[in-house]
Amino acid sequence: MSEIFNVTRMARTQLERAREGSAGRAAAHLYGGPQSMMTHTLIALVAGQKMHEHESPGEATVLVVEGQVTMGTADEAATVEGQAGDLLRVPLERHWLQAATDSVILLTAAKTRGHDAG
């Protein structure tokens, strides 16, 4: 039987954890992991928190579940803003994401053929 995740409820929980924690962020894996070709990760960030520049996991999207975020690349040429309900394509190059308001995103990543799932 399949597991069912209520993303709205989990988003509230993760945002509470982010607000209470010293890092200002919290995350939960909903699906996948090192052995999977696809992962879904719910990430909560309090306003102003930034996921600093990092490598792309392969093809990926960010669904803004709550709040407003800005995502961009090192050269700032590909900066995009998203709000609740927006689906953003994650750049294949190094990128960053910052929360303009308390926010929750759902990161969906599919490893490319060059990335081994095991």
PDB file of N, CA and C in Angstrom:
ATOM      1  N   MET A   1       0.829  -1.175   0.000  1.00  0.00           N
ATOM      2  CA  MET A   1       0.000   0.000   0.000  1.00  0.00           C
ATOM      3  C   MET A   1       0.882   1.249   0.000  1.00  0.00           C
ATOM      4  N   SER A   2       0.500   2.244  -0.729  1.00  0.00           N
ATOM      5  CA  SER A   2       1.251   3.492  -0.824  1.00  0.00           C
ATOM      6  C   SER A   2       1.086   4.331   0.432  1.00  0.00           C
ATOM      7  N   GLU A   3       2.155   5.067   0.753  1.00  0.00           N
ATOM      8  CA  GLU A   3       2.063   6.038   1.844  1.00  0.00           C
ATOM      9  C   GLU A   3       1.426   7.303   1.305  1.00  0.00           C
ATOM     10  N   ILE A   4       0.654   7.971   2.141  1.00  0.00           N
ATOM     11  CA  ILE A   4       0.048   9.239   1.775  1.00  0.00           C
ATOM     12  C   ILE A   4       0.633  10.313   2.679  1.00  0.00           C
ATOM     13  N   PHE A   5       1.090  11.397   2.070  1.00  0.00           N
ATOM     14  CA  PHE A   5       1.657  12.514   2.808  1.00  0.00           C
ATOM     15  C   PHE A   5       0.756  13.727   2.630  1.00  0.00           C
ATOM     16  N   ASN A   6       0.345  14.334   3.720  1.00  0.00           N
ATOM     17  CA  ASN A   6      -0.405  15.573   3.639  1.00  0.00           C
ATOM     18  C   ASN A   6       0.623  16.702   3.674  1.00  0.00           C
ATOM     19  N   VAL A   7       0.947  17.234   2.510  1.00  0.00           N
ATOM     20  CA  VAL A   7       2.010  18.228   2.381  1.00  0.00           C
ATOM     21  C   VAL A   7       1.674  19.499   3.157  1.00  0.00           C
ATOM     22  N   THR A   8       0.424  19.914   3.156  1.00  0.00           N
ATOM     23  CA  THR A   8       0.024  21.122   3.880  1.00  0.00           C
ATOM     24  C   THR A   8       0.303  20.984   5.372  1.00  0.00           C
ATOM     25  N   ARG A   9      -0.096  19.884   5.947  1.00  0.00           N
ATOM     26  CA  ARG A   9       0.123  19.645   7.379  1.00  0.00           C
ATOM     27  C   ARG A   9       1.613  19.519   7.682  1.00  0.00           C
ATOM     28  N   MET A  10       2.337  18.790   6.843  1.00  0.00           N
ATOM     29  CA  MET A  10       3.770  18.636   7.056  1.00  0.00           C
ATOM     30  C   MET A  10       4.504  19.964   6.898  1.00  0.00           C
ATOM     31  N   ALA A  11       4.032  20.814   5.992  1.00  0.00           N
ATOM     32  CA  ALA A  11       4.643  22.127   5.797  1.00  0.00           C
ATOM     33  C   ALA A  11       4.517  22.960   7.065  1.00  0.00           C
ATOM     34  N   ARG A  12       3.348  22.926   7.682  1.00  0.00           N
ATOM     35  CA  ARG A  12       3.138  23.669   8.940  1.00  0.00           C
ATOM     36  C   ARG A  12       4.092  23.167  10.020  1.00  0.00           C
ATOM     37  N   THR A  13       4.230  21.856  10.124  1.00  0.00           N
ATOM     38  CA  THR A  13       5.116  21.262  11.128  1.00  0.00           C
ATOM     39  C   THR A  13       6.566  21.668  10.887  1.00  0.00           C
ATOM     40  N   GLN A  14       7.008  21.587   9.627  1.00  0.00           N
ATOM     41  CA  GLN A  14       8.394  21.946   9.320  1.00  0.00           C
ATOM     42  C   GLN A  14       8.644  23.435   9.569  1.00  0.00           C
ATOM     43  N   LEU A  15       7.669  24.267   9.262  1.00  0.00           N
ATOM     44  CA  LEU A  15       7.829  25.707   9.484  1.00  0.00           C
ATOM     45  C   LEU A  15       7.913  26.008  10.988  1.00  0.00           C
ATOM     46  N   GLU A  16       7.140  25.310  11.795  1.00  0.00           N
ATOM     47  CA  GLU A  16       7.237  25.462  13.252  1.00  0.00           C
ATOM     48  C   GLU A  16       8.631  25.065  13.725  1.00  0.00           C
ATOM     49  N   ARG A  17       9.152  23.952  13.210  1.00  0.00           N
ATOM     50  CA  ARG A  17      10.501  23.503  13.582  1.00  0.00           C
ATOM     51  C   ARG A  17      11.549  24.523  13.159  1.00  0.00           C
ATOM     52  N   ALA A  18      11.386  25.107  11.971  1.00  0.00           N
ATOM     53  CA  ALA A  18      12.345  26.102  11.483  1.00  0.00           C
ATOM     54  C   ALA A  18      12.327  27.349  12.369  1.00  0.00           C
ATOM     55  N   ARG A  19      11.142  27.765  12.777  1.00  0.00           N
ATOM     56  CA  ARG A  19      11.011  28.951  13.632  1.00  0.00           C
ATOM     57  C   ARG A  19      11.602  28.722  15.015  1.00  0.00           C
ATOM     58  N   GLU A  20      11.503  27.498  15.508  1.00  0.00           N
ATOM     59  CA  GLU A  20      12.005  27.176  16.842  1.00  0.00           C
ATOM     60  C   GLU A  20      13.504  26.885  16.860  1.00  0.00           C
ATOM     61  N   GLY A  21      14.060  26.430  15.746  1.00  0.00           N
ATOM     62  CA  GLY A  21      15.461  26.038  15.706  1.00  0.00           C
ATOM     63  C   GLY A  21      16.406  27.207  15.474  1.00  0.00           C
ATOM     64  N   SER A  22      17.631  27.046  15.893  1.00  0.00           N
ATOM     65  CA  SER A  22      18.617  28.119  15.738  1.00  0.00           C
ATOM     66  C   SER A  22      19.059  28.315  14.287  1.00  0.00           C
ATOM     67  N   ALA A  23      18.906  27.302  13.453  1.00  0.00           N
ATOM     68  CA  ALA A  23      19.333  27.404  12.056  1.00  0.00           C
ATOM     69  C   ALA A  23      18.319  28.135  11.182  1.00  0.00           C
ATOM     70  N   GLY A  24      17.082  28.254  11.655  1.00  0.00           N
ATOM     71  CA  GLY A  24      16.048  28.920  10.876  1.00  0.00           C
ATOM     72  C   GLY A  24      15.571  28.111   9.688  1.00  0.00           C
ATOM     73  N   ARG A  25      15.799  26.806   9.736  1.00  0.00           N
ATOM     74  CA  ARG A  25      15.346  25.937   8.655  1.00  0.00           C
ATOM     75  C   ARG A  25      15.101  24.531   9.180  1.00  0.00           C
ATOM     76  N   ALA A  26      14.294  23.785   8.453  1.00  0.00           N
ATOM     77  CA  ALA A  26      14.001  22.398   8.795  1.00  0.00           C
ATOM     78  C   ALA A  26      13.631  21.679   7.508  1.00  0.00           C
ATOM     79  N   ALA A  27      13.867  20.377   7.475  1.00  0.00           N
ATOM     80  CA  ALA A  27      13.579  19.610   6.262  1.00  0.00           C
ATOM     81  C   ALA A  27      13.115  18.205   6.621  1.00  0.00           C
ATOM     82  N   ALA A  28      12.316  17.638   5.732  1.00  0.00           N
ATOM     83  CA  ALA A  28      11.854  16.266   5.879  1.00  0.00           C
ATOM     84  C   ALA A  28      11.838  15.611   4.506  1.00  0.00           C
ATOM     85  N   HIS A  29      12.408  14.425   4.406  1.00  0.00           N
ATOM     86  CA  HIS A  29      12.346  13.655   3.164  1.00  0.00           C
ATOM     87  C   HIS A  29      10.999  12.964   3.115  1.00  0.00           C
ATOM     88  N   LEU A  30      10.252  13.212   2.058  1.00  0.00           N
ATOM     89  CA  LEU A  30       8.964  12.554   1.903  1.00  0.00           C
ATOM     90  C   LEU A  30       9.095  11.257   1.116  1.00  0.00           C
ATOM     91  N   TYR A  31      10.040  11.264   0.185  1.00  0.00           N
ATOM     92  CA  TYR A  31      10.220  10.095  -0.673  1.00  0.00           C
ATOM     93  C   TYR A  31      11.649  10.078  -1.176  1.00  0.00           C
ATOM     94  N   GLY A  32      12.206   8.902  -1.288  1.00  0.00           N
ATOM     95  CA  GLY A  32      13.515   8.742  -1.903  1.00  0.00           C
ATOM     96  C   GLY A  32      14.654   8.802  -0.909  1.00  0.00           C
ATOM     97  N   GLY A  33      15.843   8.806  -1.464  1.00  0.00           N
ATOM     98  CA  GLY A  33      17.077   8.791  -0.686  1.00  0.00           C
ATOM     99  C   GLY A  33      18.219   8.405  -1.587  1.00  0.00           C
ATOM    100  N   PRO A  34      19.352   8.028  -1.006  1.00  0.00           N
ATOM    101  CA  PRO A  34      20.539   7.713  -1.808  1.00  0.00           C
ATOM    102  C   PRO A  34      20.329   6.615  -2.855  1.00  0.00           C
ATOM    103  N   GLN A  35      19.436   5.671  -2.574  1.00  0.00           N
ATOM    104  CA  GLN A  35      19.207   4.562  -3.496  1.00  0.00           C
ATOM    105  C   GLN A  35      18.153   4.874  -4.551  1.00  0.00           C
ATOM    106  N   SER A  36      17.493   6.008  -4.444  1.00  0.00           N
ATOM    107  CA  SER A  36      16.392   6.352  -5.347  1.00  0.00           C
ATOM    108  C   SER A  36      16.851   7.232  -6.494  1.00  0.00           C
ATOM    109  N   MET A  37      16.159   7.124  -7.613  1.00  0.00           N
ATOM    110  CA  MET A  37      16.427   8.003  -8.753  1.00  0.00           C
ATOM    111  C   MET A  37      15.667   9.315  -8.612  1.00  0.00           C
ATOM    112  N   MET A  38      14.672   9.370  -7.713  1.00  0.00           N
ATOM    113  CA  MET A  38      13.894  10.580  -7.524  1.00  0.00           C
ATOM    114  C   MET A  38      13.688  10.794  -6.028  1.00  0.00           C
ATOM    115  N   THR A  39      13.729  12.059  -5.616  1.00  0.00           N
ATOM    116  CA  THR A  39      13.474  12.384  -4.218  1.00  0.00           C
ATOM    117  C   THR A  39      12.505  13.557  -4.115  1.00  0.00           C
ATOM    118  N   HIS A  40      11.759  13.571  -3.014  1.00  0.00           N
ATOM    119  CA  HIS A  40      10.887  14.691  -2.669  1.00  0.00           C
ATOM    120  C   HIS A  40      11.290  15.122  -1.254  1.00  0.00           C
ATOM    121  N   THR A  41      11.679  16.381  -1.109  1.00  0.00           N
ATOM    122  CA  THR A  41      12.100  16.899   0.180  1.00  0.00           C
ATOM    123  C   THR A  41      11.342  18.186   0.480  1.00  0.00           C
ATOM    124  N   LEU A  42      10.725  18.247   1.648  1.00  0.00           N
ATOM    125  CA  LEU A  42      10.004  19.422   2.096  1.00  0.00           C
ATOM    126  C   LEU A  42      10.978  20.253   2.934  1.00  0.00           C
ATOM    127  N   ILE A  43      11.177  21.505   2.560  1.00  0.00           N
ATOM    128  CA  ILE A  43      12.148  22.367   3.230  1.00  0.00           C
ATOM    129  C   ILE A  43      11.453  23.643   3.689  1.00  0.00           C
ATOM    130  N   ALA A  44      11.600  23.970   4.973  1.00  0.00           N
ATOM    131  CA  ALA A  44      11.035  25.195   5.541  1.00  0.00           C
ATOM    132  C   ALA A  44      12.179  26.142   5.889  1.00  0.00           C
ATOM    133  N   LEU A  45      11.996  27.408   5.545  1.00  0.00           N
ATOM    134  CA  LEU A  45      12.985  28.449   5.834  1.00  0.00           C
ATOM    135  C   LEU A  45      12.266  29.652   6.418  1.00  0.00           C
ATOM    136  N   VAL A  46      12.813  30.212   7.495  1.00  0.00           N
ATOM    137  CA  VAL A  46      12.229  31.448   8.009  1.00  0.00           C
ATOM    138  C   VAL A  46      12.701  32.606   7.132  1.00  0.00           C
ATOM    139  N   ALA A  47      11.974  33.703   7.167  1.00  0.00           N
ATOM    140  CA  ALA A  47      12.292  34.870   6.335  1.00  0.00           C
ATOM    141  C   ALA A  47      13.759  35.254   6.470  1.00  0.00           C
ATOM    142  N   GLY A  48      14.400  35.472   5.325  1.00  0.00           N
ATOM    143  CA  GLY A  48      15.793  35.882   5.292  1.00  0.00           C
ATOM    144  C   GLY A  48      16.790  34.741   5.219  1.00  0.00           C
ATOM    145  N   GLN A  49      16.385  33.520   5.549  1.00  0.00           N
ATOM    146  CA  GLN A  49      17.302  32.383   5.500  1.00  0.00           C
ATOM    147  C   GLN A  49      17.627  32.027   4.053  1.00  0.00           C
ATOM    148  N   LYS A  50      18.867  31.611   3.839  1.00  0.00           N
ATOM    149  CA  LYS A  50      19.336  31.315   2.484  1.00  0.00           C
ATOM    150  C   LYS A  50      19.979  29.936   2.431  1.00  0.00           C
ATOM    151  N   MET A  51      19.632  29.194   1.401  1.00  0.00           N
ATOM    152  CA  MET A  51      20.360  27.971   1.077  1.00  0.00           C
ATOM    153  C   MET A  51      21.475  28.442   0.146  1.00  0.00           C
ATOM    154  N   HIS A  52      22.687  28.500   0.676  1.00  0.00           N
ATOM    155  CA  HIS A  52      23.791  29.076  -0.075  1.00  0.00           C
ATOM    156  C   HIS A  52      24.084  28.271  -1.337  1.00  0.00           C
ATOM    157  N   GLU A  53      24.831  28.863  -2.217  1.00  0.00           N
ATOM    158  CA  GLU A  53      25.124  28.269  -3.516  1.00  0.00           C
ATOM    159  C   GLU A  53      25.579  26.813  -3.362  1.00  0.00           C
ATOM    160  N   HIS A  54      24.973  25.953  -4.165  1.00  0.00           N
ATOM    161  CA  HIS A  54      25.283  24.528  -4.122  1.00  0.00           C
ATOM    162  C   HIS A  54      25.074  23.913  -5.507  1.00  0.00           C
ATOM    163  N   GLU A  55      25.598  22.710  -5.686  1.00  0.00           N
ATOM    164  CA  GLU A  55      25.477  21.997  -6.959  1.00  0.00           C
ATOM    165  C   GLU A  55      24.041  21.536  -7.170  1.00  0.00           C
ATOM    166  N   SER A  56      23.666  21.386  -8.411  1.00  0.00           N
ATOM    167  CA  SER A  56      22.359  20.860  -8.754  1.00  0.00           C
ATOM    168  C   SER A  56      22.376  19.339  -8.615  1.00  0.00           C
ATOM    169  N   PRO A  57      21.291  18.749  -8.108  1.00  0.00           N
ATOM    170  CA  PRO A  57      21.225  17.293  -7.987  1.00  0.00           C
ATOM    171  C   PRO A  57      20.918  16.603  -9.319  1.00  0.00           C
ATOM    172  N   GLY A  58      20.690  17.376 -10.363  1.00  0.00           N
ATOM    173  CA  GLY A  58      20.220  16.862 -11.649  1.00  0.00           C
ATOM    174  C   GLY A  58      18.948  17.618 -11.979  1.00  0.00           C
ATOM    175  N   GLU A  59      18.079  17.022 -12.759  1.00  0.00           N
ATOM    176  CA  GLU A  59      16.812  17.701 -13.056  1.00  0.00           C
ATOM    177  C   GLU A  59      16.013  17.841 -11.769  1.00  0.00           C
ATOM    178  N   ALA A  60      15.507  19.062 -11.529  1.00  0.00           N
ATOM    179  CA  ALA A  60      14.776  19.299 -10.287  1.00  0.00           C
ATOM    180  C   ALA A  60      13.809  20.461 -10.447  1.00  0.00           C
ATOM    181  N   THR A  61      12.779  20.423  -9.612  1.00  0.00           N
ATOM    182  CA  THR A  61      11.827  21.523  -9.536  1.00  0.00           C
ATOM    183  C   THR A  61      11.609  21.878  -8.076  1.00  0.00           C
ATOM    184  N   VAL A  62      11.161  23.112  -7.852  1.00  0.00           N
ATOM    185  CA  VAL A  62      10.778  23.577  -6.526  1.00  0.00           C
ATOM    186  C   VAL A  62       9.334  24.044  -6.627  1.00  0.00           C
ATOM    187  N   LEU A  63       8.466  23.468  -5.817  1.00  0.00           N
ATOM    188  CA  LEU A  63       7.095  23.930  -5.694  1.00  0.00           C
ATOM    189  C   LEU A  63       7.044  24.777  -4.426  1.00  0.00           C
ATOM    190  N   VAL A  64       6.666  26.036  -4.571  1.00  0.00           N
ATOM    191  CA  VAL A  64       6.538  26.901  -3.400  1.00  0.00           C
ATOM    192  C   VAL A  64       5.188  26.574  -2.754  1.00  0.00           C
ATOM    193  N   VAL A  65       5.243  25.933  -1.598  1.00  0.00           N
ATOM    194  CA  VAL A  65       4.040  25.516  -0.891  1.00  0.00           C
ATOM    195  C   VAL A  65       3.460  26.684  -0.101  1.00  0.00           C
ATOM    196  N   GLU A  66       4.344  27.466   0.484  1.00  0.00           N
ATOM    197  CA  GLU A  66       3.931  28.599   1.309  1.00  0.00           C
ATOM    198  C   GLU A  66       5.013  29.669   1.254  1.00  0.00           C
ATOM    199  N   GLY A  67       4.624  30.934   1.225  1.00  0.00           N
ATOM    200  CA  GLY A  67       5.570  32.037   1.300  1.00  0.00           C
ATOM    201  C   GLY A  67       6.059  32.519  -0.055  1.00  0.00           C
ATOM    202  N   GLN A  68       7.227  33.189  -0.020  1.00  0.00           N
ATOM    203  CA  GLN A  68       7.857  33.736  -1.225  1.00  0.00           C
ATOM    204  C   GLN A  68       9.351  33.472  -1.155  1.00  0.00           C
ATOM    205  N   VAL A  69       9.915  33.026  -2.274  1.00  0.00           N
ATOM    206  CA  VAL A  69      11.344  32.727  -2.347  1.00  0.00           C
ATOM    207  C   VAL A  69      11.957  33.353  -3.600  1.00  0.00           C
ATOM    208  N   THR A  70      13.273  33.502  -3.551  1.00  0.00           N
ATOM    209  CA  THR A  70      14.040  33.911  -4.715  1.00  0.00           C
ATOM    210  C   THR A  70      15.102  32.846  -4.937  1.00  0.00           C
ATOM    211  N   MET A  71      15.277  32.426  -6.206  1.00  0.00           N
ATOM    212  CA  MET A  71      16.287  31.441  -6.554  1.00  0.00           C
ATOM    213  C   MET A  71      17.141  32.025  -7.665  1.00  0.00           C
ATOM    214  N   GLY A  72      18.443  31.777  -7.592  1.00  0.00           N
ATOM    215  CA  GLY A  72      19.311  32.317  -8.633  1.00  0.00           C
ATOM    216  C   GLY A  72      20.608  31.555  -8.755  1.00  0.00           C
ATOM    217  N   THR A  73      21.375  31.947  -9.748  1.00  0.00           N
ATOM    218  CA  THR A  73      22.682  31.353 -10.009  1.00  0.00           C
ATOM    219  C   THR A  73      23.769  32.356  -9.636  1.00  0.00           C
ATOM    220  N   ALA A  74      25.001  31.917  -9.654  1.00  0.00           N
ATOM    221  CA  ALA A  74      26.128  32.754  -9.245  1.00  0.00           C
ATOM    222  C   ALA A  74      26.199  34.047 -10.045  1.00  0.00           C
ATOM    223  N   ASP A  75      25.887  33.984 -11.333  1.00  0.00           N
ATOM    224  CA  ASP A  75      25.995  35.189 -12.166  1.00  0.00           C
ATOM    225  C   ASP A  75      24.746  36.067 -12.105  1.00  0.00           C
ATOM    226  N   GLU A  76      23.756  35.658 -11.304  1.00  0.00           N
ATOM    227  CA  GLU A  76      22.517  36.405 -11.110  1.00  0.00           C
ATOM    228  C   GLU A  76      21.664  36.539 -12.379  1.00  0.00           C
ATOM    229  N   ALA A  77      22.111  35.975 -13.495  1.00  0.00           N
ATOM    230  CA  ALA A  77      21.375  36.108 -14.750  1.00  0.00           C
ATOM    231  C   ALA A  77      20.066  35.329 -14.733  1.00  0.00           C
ATOM    232  N   ALA A  78      20.013  34.289 -13.927  1.00  0.00           N
ATOM    233  CA  ALA A  78      18.834  33.430 -13.928  1.00  0.00           C
ATOM    234  C   ALA A  78      18.031  33.549 -12.637  1.00  0.00           C
ATOM    235  N   THR A  79      17.999  34.734 -12.036  1.00  0.00           N
ATOM    236  CA  THR A  79      17.248  34.915 -10.794  1.00  0.00           C
ATOM    237  C   THR A  79      15.749  34.901 -11.084  1.00  0.00           C
ATOM    238  N   VAL A  80      15.002  34.162 -10.246  1.00  0.00           N
ATOM    239  CA  VAL A  80      13.558  34.061 -10.405  1.00  0.00           C
ATOM    240  C   VAL A  80      12.906  34.122  -9.022  1.00  0.00           C
ATOM    241  N   GLU A  81      11.746  34.752  -8.956  1.00  0.00           N
ATOM    242  CA  GLU A  81      10.998  34.822  -7.705  1.00  0.00           C
ATOM    243  C   GLU A  81       9.765  33.946  -7.831  1.00  0.00           C
ATOM    244  N   GLY A  82       9.411  33.303  -6.722  1.00  0.00           N
ATOM    245  CA  GLY A  82       8.230  32.459  -6.716  1.00  0.00           C
ATOM    246  C   GLY A  82       7.438  32.660  -5.442  1.00  0.00           C
ATOM    247  N   GLN A  83       6.143  32.446  -5.547  1.00  0.00           N
ATOM    248  CA  GLN A  83       5.260  32.543  -4.383  1.00  0.00           C
ATOM    249  C   GLN A  83       4.401  31.293  -4.331  1.00  0.00           C
ATOM    250  N   ALA A  84       3.646  31.159  -3.250  1.00  0.00           N
ATOM    251  CA  ALA A  84       2.841  29.957  -3.029  1.00  0.00           C
ATOM    252  C   ALA A  84       2.081  29.563  -4.299  1.00  0.00           C
ATOM    253  N   GLY A  85       2.250  28.312  -4.687  1.00  0.00           N
ATOM    254  CA  GLY A  85       1.587  27.786  -5.881  1.00  0.00           C
ATOM    255  C   GLY A  85       2.473  27.761  -7.111  1.00  0.00           C
ATOM    256  N   ASP A  86       3.603  28.468  -7.090  1.00  0.00           N
ATOM    257  CA  ASP A  86       4.498  28.511  -8.258  1.00  0.00           C
ATOM    258  C   ASP A  86       5.420  27.297  -8.292  1.00  0.00           C
ATOM    259  N   LEU A  87       5.639  26.770  -9.489  1.00  0.00           N
ATOM    260  CA  LEU A  87       6.579  25.682  -9.717  1.00  0.00           C
ATOM    261  C   LEU A  87       7.769  26.258 -10.469  1.00  0.00           C
ATOM    262  N   LEU A  88       8.961  26.147  -9.864  1.00  0.00           N
ATOM    263  CA  LEU A  88      10.178  26.719 -10.443  1.00  0.00           C
ATOM    264  C   LEU A  88      11.106  25.610 -10.899  1.00  0.00           C
ATOM    265  N   ARG A  89      11.713  25.788 -12.073  1.00  0.00           N
ATOM    266  CA  ARG A  89      12.731  24.844 -12.542  1.00  0.00           C
ATOM    267  C   ARG A  89      14.040  25.208 -11.870  1.00  0.00           C
ATOM    268  N   VAL A  90      14.701  24.226 -11.280  1.00  0.00           N
ATOM    269  CA  VAL A  90      15.990  24.450 -10.636  1.00  0.00           C
ATOM    270  C   VAL A  90      17.065  24.471 -11.716  1.00  0.00           C
ATOM    271  N   PRO A  91      17.922  25.505 -11.726  1.00  0.00           N
ATOM    272  CA  PRO A  91      18.990  25.564 -12.733  1.00  0.00           C
ATOM    273  C   PRO A  91      19.934  24.365 -12.606  1.00  0.00           C
ATOM    274  N   LEU A  92      20.474  23.927 -13.727  1.00  0.00           N
ATOM    275  CA  LEU A  92      21.424  22.814 -13.699  1.00  0.00           C
ATOM    276  C   LEU A  92      22.793  23.245 -13.184  1.00  0.00           C
ATOM    277  N   GLU A  93      23.069  24.556 -13.215  1.00  0.00           N
ATOM    278  CA  GLU A  93      24.337  25.045 -12.679  1.00  0.00           C
ATOM    279  C   GLU A  93      24.189  25.349 -11.186  1.00  0.00           C
ATOM    280  N   ARG A  94      25.304  25.699 -10.537  1.00  0.00           N
ATOM    281  CA  ARG A  94      25.273  26.050  -9.118  1.00  0.00           C
ATOM    282  C   ARG A  94      24.232  27.140  -8.891  1.00  0.00           C
ATOM    283  N   HIS A  95      23.491  27.016  -7.781  1.00  0.00           N
ATOM    284  CA  HIS A  95      22.398  27.941  -7.530  1.00  0.00           C
ATOM    285  C   HIS A  95      22.195  28.110  -6.031  1.00  0.00           C
ATOM    286  N   TRP A  96      21.342  29.066  -5.679  1.00  0.00           N
ATOM    287  CA  TRP A  96      20.994  29.346  -4.289  1.00  0.00           C
ATOM    288  C   TRP A  96      19.503  29.633  -4.213  1.00  0.00           C
ATOM    289  N   LEU A  97      18.968  29.610  -2.998  1.00  0.00           N
ATOM    290  CA  LEU A  97      17.556  29.929  -2.785  1.00  0.00           C
ATOM    291  C   LEU A  97      17.444  30.682  -1.462  1.00  0.00           C
ATOM    292  N   GLN A  98      16.654  31.755  -1.449  1.00  0.00           N
ATOM    293  CA  GLN A  98      16.463  32.540  -0.233  1.00  0.00           C
ATOM    294  C   GLN A  98      14.973  32.778   0.001  1.00  0.00           C
ATOM    295  N   ALA A  99      14.582  32.715   1.270  1.00  0.00           N
ATOM    296  CA  ALA A  99      13.191  32.963   1.655  1.00  0.00           C
ATOM    297  C   ALA A  99      12.991  34.446   1.908  1.00  0.00           C
ATOM    298  N   ALA A 100      12.058  35.058   1.179  1.00  0.00           N
ATOM    299  CA  ALA A 100      11.702  36.462   1.403  1.00  0.00           C
ATOM    300  C   ALA A 100      10.767  36.576   2.601  1.00  0.00           C
ATOM    301  N   THR A 101       9.924  35.571   2.781  1.00  0.00           N
ATOM    302  CA  THR A 101       9.023  35.478   3.934  1.00  0.00           C
ATOM    303  C   THR A 101       9.183  34.064   4.488  1.00  0.00           C
ATOM    304  N   ASP A 102       8.603  33.778   5.643  1.00  0.00           N
ATOM    305  CA  ASP A 102       8.611  32.397   6.124  1.00  0.00           C
ATOM    306  C   ASP A 102       8.034  31.536   4.995  1.00  0.00           C
ATOM    307  N   SER A 103       8.784  30.528   4.587  1.00  0.00           N
ATOM    308  CA  SER A 103       8.429  29.777   3.373  1.00  0.00           C
ATOM    309  C   SER A 103       8.644  28.284   3.536  1.00  0.00           C
ATOM    310  N   VAL A 104       7.900  27.535   2.727  1.00  0.00           N
ATOM    311  CA  VAL A 104       8.079  26.090   2.632  1.00  0.00           C
ATOM    312  C   VAL A 104       8.105  25.734   1.153  1.00  0.00           C
ATOM    313  N   ILE A 105       9.093  24.930   0.762  1.00  0.00           N
ATOM    314  CA  ILE A 105       9.191  24.473  -0.624  1.00  0.00           C
ATOM    315  C   ILE A 105       9.203  22.952  -0.656  1.00  0.00           C
ATOM    316  N   LEU A 106       8.753  22.409  -1.770  1.00  0.00           N
ATOM    317  CA  LEU A 106       8.852  20.976  -2.015  1.00  0.00           C
ATOM    318  C   LEU A 106       9.833  20.802  -3.166  1.00  0.00           C
ATOM    319  N   LEU A 107      11.010  20.277  -2.851  1.00  0.00           N
ATOM    320  CA  LEU A 107      12.048  20.026  -3.847  1.00  0.00           C
ATOM    321  C   LEU A 107      11.867  18.621  -4.393  1.00  0.00           C
ATOM    322  N   THR A 108      11.691  18.516  -5.709  1.00  0.00           N
ATOM    323  CA  THR A 108      11.618  17.217  -6.387  1.00  0.00           C
ATOM    324  C   THR A 108      12.839  17.126  -7.292  1.00  0.00           C
ATOM    325  N   ALA A 109      13.647  16.096  -7.080  1.00  0.00           N
ATOM    326  CA  ALA A 109      14.880  15.948  -7.846  1.00  0.00           C
ATOM    327  C   ALA A 109      14.960  14.551  -8.453  1.00  0.00           C
ATOM    328  N   ALA A 110      15.341  14.515  -9.724  1.00  0.00           N
ATOM    329  CA  ALA A 110      15.571  13.248 -10.425  1.00  0.00           C
ATOM    330  C   ALA A 110      17.031  13.216 -10.816  1.00  0.00           C
ATOM    331  N   LYS A 111      17.735  12.199 -10.384  1.00  0.00           N
ATOM    332  CA  LYS A 111      19.154  12.100 -10.712  1.00  0.00           C
ATOM    333  C   LYS A 111      19.302  11.817 -12.200  1.00  0.00           C
ATOM    334  N   THR A 112      20.254  12.493 -12.806  1.00  0.00           N
ATOM    335  CA  THR A 112      20.512  12.278 -14.229  1.00  0.00           C
ATOM    336  C   THR A 112      21.340  11.025 -14.408  1.00  0.00           C
ATOM    337  N   ARG A 113      21.473  10.601 -15.626  1.00  0.00           N
ATOM    338  CA  ARG A 113      22.221   9.370 -15.906  1.00  0.00           C
ATOM    339  C   ARG A 113      23.650   9.442 -15.401  1.00  0.00           C
ATOM    340  N   GLY A 114      24.210  10.625 -15.307  1.00  0.00           N
ATOM    341  CA  GLY A 114      25.586  10.771 -14.823  1.00  0.00           C
ATOM    342  C   GLY A 114      25.725  10.606 -13.335  1.00  0.00           C
ATOM    343  N   HIS A 115      24.605  10.597 -12.605  1.00  0.00           N
ATOM    344  CA  HIS A 115      24.615  10.433 -11.161  1.00  0.00           C
ATOM    345  C   HIS A 115      24.108   9.039 -10.842  1.00  0.00           C
ATOM    346  N   ASP A 116      24.919   8.266 -10.133  1.00  0.00           N
ATOM    347  CA  ASP A 116      24.531   6.910  -9.769  1.00  0.00           C
ATOM    348  C   ASP A 116      23.560   6.943  -8.591  1.00  0.00           C
ATOM    349  N   ALA A 117      22.527   6.167  -8.655  1.00  0.00           N
ATOM    350  CA  ALA A 117      21.541   6.108  -7.571  1.00  0.00           C
ATOM    351  C   ALA A 117      22.001   5.190  -6.445  1.00  0.00           C
ATOM    352  N   GLY A 118      23.129   4.652  -6.505  1.00  0.00           N
ATOM    353  CA  GLY A 118      23.541   3.749  -5.446  1.00  0.00           C
ATOM    354  C   GLY A 118      24.852   4.107  -4.986  1.00  0.00           C
TER     355      GLY A 118
END
